[in-house]
């Protein structure tokens, strides 16, 4: 039972740290900088496009991970 309480405390502390908002540097690092090129794939319903071809358009990027 002590082990379960210990793990609960550790999990609670980790969740509390994750709930903290990121520092201001997380939001100011790329302001005023051009977006990096989008690499990877596959592209669905089009050929791969460069940032120049996407300029002025709304772009949805969906990230998937398996693991």
PDB file of N, CA and C in Angstrom:
ATOM      1  N   UNK A   1       0.812  -1.191   0.000  1.00  0.00           N
ATOM      2  CA  UNK A   1       0.000   0.000   0.000  1.00  0.00           C
ATOM      3  C   UNK A   1       0.861   1.263   0.000  1.00  0.00           C
ATOM      4  N   UNK A   2       2.017   1.199   0.695  1.00  0.00           N
ATOM      5  CA  UNK A   2       2.912   2.359   0.713  1.00  0.00           C
ATOM      6  C   UNK A   2       3.434   2.663  -0.690  1.00  0.00           C
ATOM      7  N   UNK A   3       3.718   1.615  -1.447  1.00  0.00           N
ATOM      8  CA  UNK A   3       4.232   1.803  -2.799  1.00  0.00           C
ATOM      9  C   UNK A   3       3.199   2.507  -3.673  1.00  0.00           C
ATOM     10  N   UNK A   4       1.934   2.130  -3.544  1.00  0.00           N
ATOM     11  CA  UNK A   4       0.876   2.753  -4.324  1.00  0.00           C
ATOM     12  C   UNK A   4       0.746   4.228  -3.975  1.00  0.00           C
ATOM     13  N   UNK A   5       0.837   4.561  -2.683  1.00  0.00           N
ATOM     14  CA  UNK A   5       0.769   5.967  -2.273  1.00  0.00           C
ATOM     15  C   UNK A   5       1.974   6.736  -2.801  1.00  0.00           C
ATOM     16  N   UNK A   6       3.136   6.092  -2.811  1.00  0.00           N
ATOM     17  CA  UNK A   6       4.338   6.753  -3.340  1.00  0.00           C
ATOM     18  C   UNK A   6       4.210   7.059  -4.818  1.00  0.00           C
ATOM     19  N   UNK A   7       3.727   6.079  -5.585  1.00  0.00           N
ATOM     20  CA  UNK A   7       3.543   6.298  -7.018  1.00  0.00           C
ATOM     21  C   UNK A   7       2.456   7.326  -7.290  1.00  0.00           C
ATOM     22  N   UNK A   8       1.427   7.346  -6.476  1.00  0.00           N
ATOM     23  CA  UNK A   8       0.368   8.343  -6.627  1.00  0.00           C
ATOM     24  C   UNK A   8       0.927   9.741  -6.398  1.00  0.00           C
ATOM     25  N   UNK A   9       1.787   9.879  -5.414  1.00  0.00           N
ATOM     26  CA  UNK A   9       2.403  11.179  -5.147  1.00  0.00           C
ATOM     27  C   UNK A   9       3.300  11.612  -6.296  1.00  0.00           C
ATOM     28  N   UNK A  10       4.077  10.687  -6.819  1.00  0.00           N
ATOM     29  CA  UNK A  10       4.957  11.006  -7.953  1.00  0.00           C
ATOM     30  C   UNK A  10       4.128  11.398  -9.170  1.00  0.00           C
ATOM     31  N   UNK A  11       3.081  10.649  -9.456  1.00  0.00           N
ATOM     32  CA  UNK A  11       2.219  10.957 -10.597  1.00  0.00           C
ATOM     33  C   UNK A  11       1.543  12.306 -10.407  1.00  0.00           C
ATOM     34  N   UNK A  12       1.074  12.581  -9.206  1.00  0.00           N
ATOM     35  CA  UNK A  12       0.449  13.874  -8.929  1.00  0.00           C
ATOM     36  C   UNK A  12       1.406  15.030  -9.122  1.00  0.00           C
ATOM     37  N   UNK A  13       2.654  14.869  -8.668  1.00  0.00           N
ATOM     38  CA  UNK A  13       3.660  15.919  -8.846  1.00  0.00           C
ATOM     39  C   UNK A  13       3.975  16.123 -10.318  1.00  0.00           C
ATOM     40  N   UNK A  14       4.072  15.040 -11.086  1.00  0.00           N
ATOM     41  CA  UNK A  14       4.355  15.154 -12.520  1.00  0.00           C
ATOM     42  C   UNK A  14       3.211  15.862 -13.240  1.00  0.00           C
ATOM     43  N   UNK A  15       1.986  15.518 -12.897  1.00  0.00           N
ATOM     44  CA  UNK A  15       0.836  16.177 -13.526  1.00  0.00           C
ATOM     45  C   UNK A  15       0.768  17.650 -13.147  1.00  0.00           C
ATOM     46  N   UNK A  16       1.128  17.982 -11.921  1.00  0.00           N
ATOM     47  CA  UNK A  16       1.142  19.385 -11.509  1.00  0.00           C
ATOM     48  C   UNK A  16       2.170  20.172 -12.304  1.00  0.00           C
ATOM     49  N   UNK A  17       3.331  19.585 -12.567  1.00  0.00           N
ATOM     50  CA  UNK A  17       4.356  20.264 -13.370  1.00  0.00           C
ATOM     51  C   UNK A  17       3.903  20.448 -14.813  1.00  0.00           C
ATOM     52  N   UNK A  18       3.208  19.449 -15.345  1.00  0.00           N
ATOM     53  CA  UNK A  18       2.720  19.557 -16.714  1.00  0.00           C
ATOM     54  C   UNK A  18       1.620  20.601 -16.843  1.00  0.00           C
ATOM     55  N   UNK A  19       0.898  20.873 -15.772  1.00  0.00           N
ATOM     56  CA  UNK A  19      -0.192  21.838 -15.803  1.00  0.00           C
ATOM     57  C   UNK A  19       0.307  23.276 -15.773  1.00  0.00           C
ATOM     58  N   UNK A  20       1.569  23.485 -15.390  1.00  0.00           N
ATOM     59  CA  UNK A  20       2.110  24.833 -15.357  1.00  0.00           C
ATOM     60  C   UNK A  20       2.218  25.396 -16.765  1.00  0.00           C
ATOM     61  N   UNK A  21       1.886  26.650 -16.957  1.00  0.00           N
ATOM     62  CA  UNK A  21       2.023  27.232 -18.289  1.00  0.00           C
ATOM     63  C   UNK A  21       3.497  27.355 -18.666  1.00  0.00           C
ATOM     64  N   UNK A  22       3.817  27.250 -19.956  1.00  0.00           N
ATOM     65  CA  UNK A  22       5.215  27.403 -20.370  1.00  0.00           C
ATOM     66  C   UNK A  22       5.677  28.838 -20.148  1.00  0.00           C
ATOM     67  N   UNK A  23       6.970  28.996 -20.048  1.00  0.00           N
ATOM     68  CA  UNK A  23       7.540  30.322 -19.850  1.00  0.00           C
ATOM     69  C   UNK A  23       7.362  31.197 -21.086  1.00  0.00           C
ATOM     70  N   UNK A  24       7.575  32.498 -20.954  1.00  0.00           N
ATOM     71  CA  UNK A  24       7.370  33.411 -22.086  1.00  0.00           C
ATOM     72  C   UNK A  24       8.285  33.124 -23.269  1.00  0.00           C
ATOM     73  N   UNK A  25       9.439  32.500 -23.016  1.00  0.00           N
ATOM     74  CA  UNK A  25      10.354  32.194 -24.134  1.00  0.00           C
ATOM     75  C   UNK A  25       9.751  31.185 -25.098  1.00  0.00           C
ATOM     76  N   UNK A  26       8.807  30.384 -24.648  1.00  0.00           N
ATOM     77  CA  UNK A  26       8.170  29.402 -25.530  1.00  0.00           C
ATOM     78  C   UNK A  26       7.328  30.086 -26.588  1.00  0.00           C
ATOM     79  N   UNK A  27       6.849  31.293 -26.307  1.00  0.00           N
ATOM     80  CA  UNK A  27       5.981  31.995 -27.239  1.00  0.00           C
ATOM     81  C   UNK A  27       6.708  33.044 -28.063  1.00  0.00           C
ATOM     82  N   UNK A  28       7.878  33.445 -27.655  1.00  0.00           N
ATOM     83  CA  UNK A  28       8.585  34.519 -28.350  1.00  0.00           C
ATOM     84  C   UNK A  28       9.733  34.015 -29.209  1.00  0.00           C
ATOM     85  N   UNK A  29      10.030  32.751 -29.172  1.00  0.00           N
ATOM     86  CA  UNK A  29      11.202  32.239 -29.868  1.00  0.00           C
ATOM     87  C   UNK A  29      11.112  32.409 -31.377  1.00  0.00           C
ATOM     88  N   UNK A  30       9.919  32.266 -31.984  1.00  0.00           N
ATOM     89  CA  UNK A  30       9.803  32.312 -33.441  1.00  0.00           C
ATOM     90  C   UNK A  30       9.040  33.543 -33.940  1.00  0.00           C
ATOM     91  N   UNK A  31       8.656  34.478 -33.076  1.00  0.00           N
ATOM     92  CA  UNK A  31       7.911  35.652 -33.528  1.00  0.00           C
ATOM     93  C   UNK A  31       8.782  36.466 -34.464  1.00  0.00           C
ATOM     94  N   UNK A  32       8.236  36.786 -35.616  1.00  0.00           N
ATOM     95  CA  UNK A  32       8.962  37.568 -36.607  1.00  0.00           C
ATOM     96  C   UNK A  32       9.880  36.755 -37.493  1.00  0.00           C
ATOM     97  N   UNK A  33       9.986  35.459 -37.248  1.00  0.00           N
ATOM     98  CA  UNK A  33      10.843  34.582 -38.045  1.00  0.00           C
ATOM     99  C   UNK A  33       9.996  33.826 -39.059  1.00  0.00           C
ATOM    100  N   UNK A  34      10.533  33.533 -40.235  1.00  0.00           N
ATOM    101  CA  UNK A  34       9.772  32.727 -41.195  1.00  0.00           C
ATOM    102  C   UNK A  34       9.584  31.305 -40.671  1.00  0.00           C
ATOM    103  N   UNK A  35       8.477  30.709 -41.066  1.00  0.00           N
ATOM    104  CA  UNK A  35       8.198  29.326 -40.662  1.00  0.00           C
ATOM    105  C   UNK A  35       9.207  28.398 -41.324  1.00  0.00           C
ATOM    106  N   UNK A  36       9.608  27.335 -40.646  1.00  0.00           N
ATOM    107  CA  UNK A  36      10.527  26.377 -41.272  1.00  0.00           C
ATOM    108  C   UNK A  36       9.796  25.575 -42.354  1.00  0.00           C
ATOM    109  N   UNK A  37      10.553  25.027 -43.272  1.00  0.00           N
ATOM    110  CA  UNK A  37       9.967  24.183 -44.306  1.00  0.00           C
ATOM    111  C   UNK A  37       9.322  22.953 -43.675  1.00  0.00           C
ATOM    112  N   UNK A  38       8.216  22.533 -44.229  1.00  0.00           N
ATOM    113  CA  UNK A  38       7.542  21.330 -43.757  1.00  0.00           C
ATOM    114  C   UNK A  38       8.174  20.148 -44.470  1.00  0.00           C
ATOM    115  N   UNK A  39       8.725  19.226 -43.697  1.00  0.00           N
ATOM    116  CA  UNK A  39       9.345  18.050 -44.287  1.00  0.00           C
ATOM    117  C   UNK A  39       8.591  16.814 -43.836  1.00  0.00           C
ATOM    118  N   UNK A  40       8.821  15.747 -44.493  1.00  0.00           N
ATOM    119  CA  UNK A  40       8.145  14.501 -44.142  1.00  0.00           C
ATOM    120  C   UNK A  40       6.987  14.244 -45.077  1.00  0.00           C
ATOM    121  N   UNK A  41       6.229  13.289 -44.753  1.00  0.00           N
ATOM    122  CA  UNK A  41       5.100  12.964 -45.617  1.00  0.00           C
ATOM    123  C   UNK A  41       4.362  11.798 -45.031  1.00  0.00           C
ATOM    124  N   UNK A  42       3.432  11.310 -45.694  1.00  0.00           N
ATOM    125  CA  UNK A  42       3.031  11.629 -47.057  1.00  0.00           C
ATOM    126  C   UNK A  42       2.114  12.845 -47.106  1.00  0.00           C
ATOM    127  N   UNK A  43       2.116  13.505 -48.239  1.00  0.00           N
ATOM    128  CA  UNK A  43       1.170  14.568 -48.508  1.00  0.00           C
ATOM    129  C   UNK A  43      -0.081  13.912 -49.084  1.00  0.00           C
ATOM    130  N   UNK A  44      -1.235  14.320 -48.628  1.00  0.00           N
ATOM    131  CA  UNK A  44      -2.488  13.725 -49.092  1.00  0.00           C
ATOM    132  C   UNK A  44      -3.185  14.712 -50.018  1.00  0.00           C
ATOM    133  N   UNK A  45      -3.604  14.241 -51.172  1.00  0.00           N
ATOM    134  CA  UNK A  45      -4.364  15.010 -52.168  1.00  0.00           C
ATOM    135  C   UNK A  45      -3.557  16.109 -52.857  1.00  0.00           C
ATOM    136  N   UNK A  46      -2.238  16.077 -52.784  1.00  0.00           N
ATOM    137  CA  UNK A  46      -1.421  17.019 -53.548  1.00  0.00           C
ATOM    138  C   UNK A  46       0.021  16.537 -53.538  1.00  0.00           C
ATOM    139  N   UNK A  47       0.819  17.140 -54.388  1.00  0.00           N
ATOM    140  CA  UNK A  47       2.247  16.885 -54.355  1.00  0.00           C
ATOM    141  C   UNK A  47       2.822  17.689 -53.189  1.00  0.00           C
ATOM    142  N   UNK A  48       4.013  17.361 -52.710  1.00  0.00           N
ATOM    143  CA  UNK A  48       4.609  18.156 -51.630  1.00  0.00           C
ATOM    144  C   UNK A  48       4.752  19.621 -52.049  1.00  0.00           C
ATOM    145  N   UNK A  49       4.380  20.519 -51.151  1.00  0.00           N
ATOM    146  CA  UNK A  49       4.420  21.949 -51.442  1.00  0.00           C
ATOM    147  C   UNK A  49       5.457  22.630 -50.558  1.00  0.00           C
ATOM    148  N   UNK A  50       6.064  23.683 -51.079  1.00  0.00           N
ATOM    149  CA  UNK A  50       7.033  24.461 -50.299  1.00  0.00           C
ATOM    150  C   UNK A  50       6.289  25.552 -49.530  1.00  0.00           C
ATOM    151  N   UNK A  51       6.965  26.173 -48.595  1.00  0.00           N
ATOM    152  CA  UNK A  51       6.368  27.260 -47.843  1.00  0.00           C
ATOM    153  C   UNK A  51       5.984  28.413 -48.767  1.00  0.00           C
ATOM    154  N   UNK A  52       6.764  28.628 -49.802  1.00  0.00           N
ATOM    155  CA  UNK A  52       6.452  29.688 -50.764  1.00  0.00           C
ATOM    156  C   UNK A  52       5.118  29.422 -51.468  1.00  0.00           C
ATOM    157  N   UNK A  53       4.864  28.178 -51.852  1.00  0.00           N
ATOM    158  CA  UNK A  53       3.597  27.836 -52.511  1.00  0.00           C
ATOM    159  C   UNK A  53       2.412  27.905 -51.548  1.00  0.00           C
ATOM    160  N   UNK A  54       2.674  27.771 -50.238  1.00  0.00           N
ATOM    161  CA  UNK A  54       1.608  27.809 -49.236  1.00  0.00           C
ATOM    162  C   UNK A  54       1.358  29.215 -48.689  1.00  0.00           C
ATOM    163  N   UNK A  55       2.179  30.174 -49.056  1.00  0.00           N
ATOM    164  CA  UNK A  55       2.058  31.533 -48.520  1.00  0.00           C
ATOM    165  C   UNK A  55       0.661  32.083 -48.776  1.00  0.00           C
ATOM    166  N   UNK A  56       0.038  32.625 -47.718  1.00  0.00           N
ATOM    167  CA  UNK A  56      -1.276  33.234 -47.828  1.00  0.00           C
ATOM    168  C   UNK A  56      -2.431  32.259 -47.706  1.00  0.00           C
ATOM    169  N   UNK A  57      -2.147  30.989 -47.514  1.00  0.00           N
ATOM    170  CA  UNK A  57      -3.191  29.977 -47.384  1.00  0.00           C
ATOM    171  C   UNK A  57      -3.283  29.495 -45.945  1.00  0.00           C
ATOM    172  N   UNK A  58      -4.452  28.981 -45.603  1.00  0.00           N
ATOM    173  CA  UNK A  58      -4.625  28.331 -44.305  1.00  0.00           C
ATOM    174  C   UNK A  58      -4.119  26.910 -44.451  1.00  0.00           C
ATOM    175  N   UNK A  59      -3.237  26.481 -43.551  1.00  0.00           N
ATOM    176  CA  UNK A  59      -2.614  25.162 -43.644  1.00  0.00           C
ATOM    177  C   UNK A  59      -2.926  24.382 -42.374  1.00  0.00           C
ATOM    178  N   UNK A  60      -3.405  23.157 -42.531  1.00  0.00           N
ATOM    179  CA  UNK A  60      -3.642  22.262 -41.399  1.00  0.00           C
ATOM    180  C   UNK A  60      -2.569  21.188 -41.441  1.00  0.00           C
ATOM    181  N   UNK A  61      -1.826  21.063 -40.354  1.00  0.00           N
ATOM    182  CA  UNK A  61      -0.786  20.053 -40.255  1.00  0.00           C
ATOM    183  C   UNK A  61      -1.222  19.073 -39.172  1.00  0.00           C
ATOM    184  N   UNK A  62      -1.328  17.808 -39.517  1.00  0.00           N
ATOM    185  CA  UNK A  62      -1.760  16.789 -38.573  1.00  0.00           C
ATOM    186  C   UNK A  62      -0.593  15.858 -38.296  1.00  0.00           C
ATOM    187  N   UNK A  63      -0.238  15.714 -37.029  1.00  0.00           N
ATOM    188  CA  UNK A  63       0.876  14.869 -36.630  1.00  0.00           C
ATOM    189  C   UNK A  63       0.348  13.566 -36.068  1.00  0.00           C
ATOM    190  N   UNK A  64       0.926  12.474 -36.487  1.00  0.00           N
ATOM    191  CA  UNK A  64       0.568  11.150 -35.978  1.00  0.00           C
ATOM    192  C   UNK A  64       1.815  10.498 -35.410  1.00  0.00           C
ATOM    193  N   UNK A  65       1.626   9.719 -34.396  1.00  0.00           N
ATOM    194  CA  UNK A  65       2.719   8.931 -33.864  1.00  0.00           C
ATOM    195  C   UNK A  65       2.187   7.568 -33.482  1.00  0.00           C
ATOM    196  N   UNK A  66       3.007   6.597 -33.610  1.00  0.00           N
ATOM    197  CA  UNK A  66       2.645   5.235 -33.230  1.00  0.00           C
ATOM    198  C   UNK A  66       3.614   4.790 -32.155  1.00  0.00           C
ATOM    199  N   UNK A  67       3.083   4.416 -31.035  1.00  0.00           N
ATOM    200  CA  UNK A  67       4.017   3.971 -30.027  1.00  0.00           C
ATOM    201  C   UNK A  67       3.447   3.805 -28.678  1.00  0.00           C
TER     202      UNK A  67
END
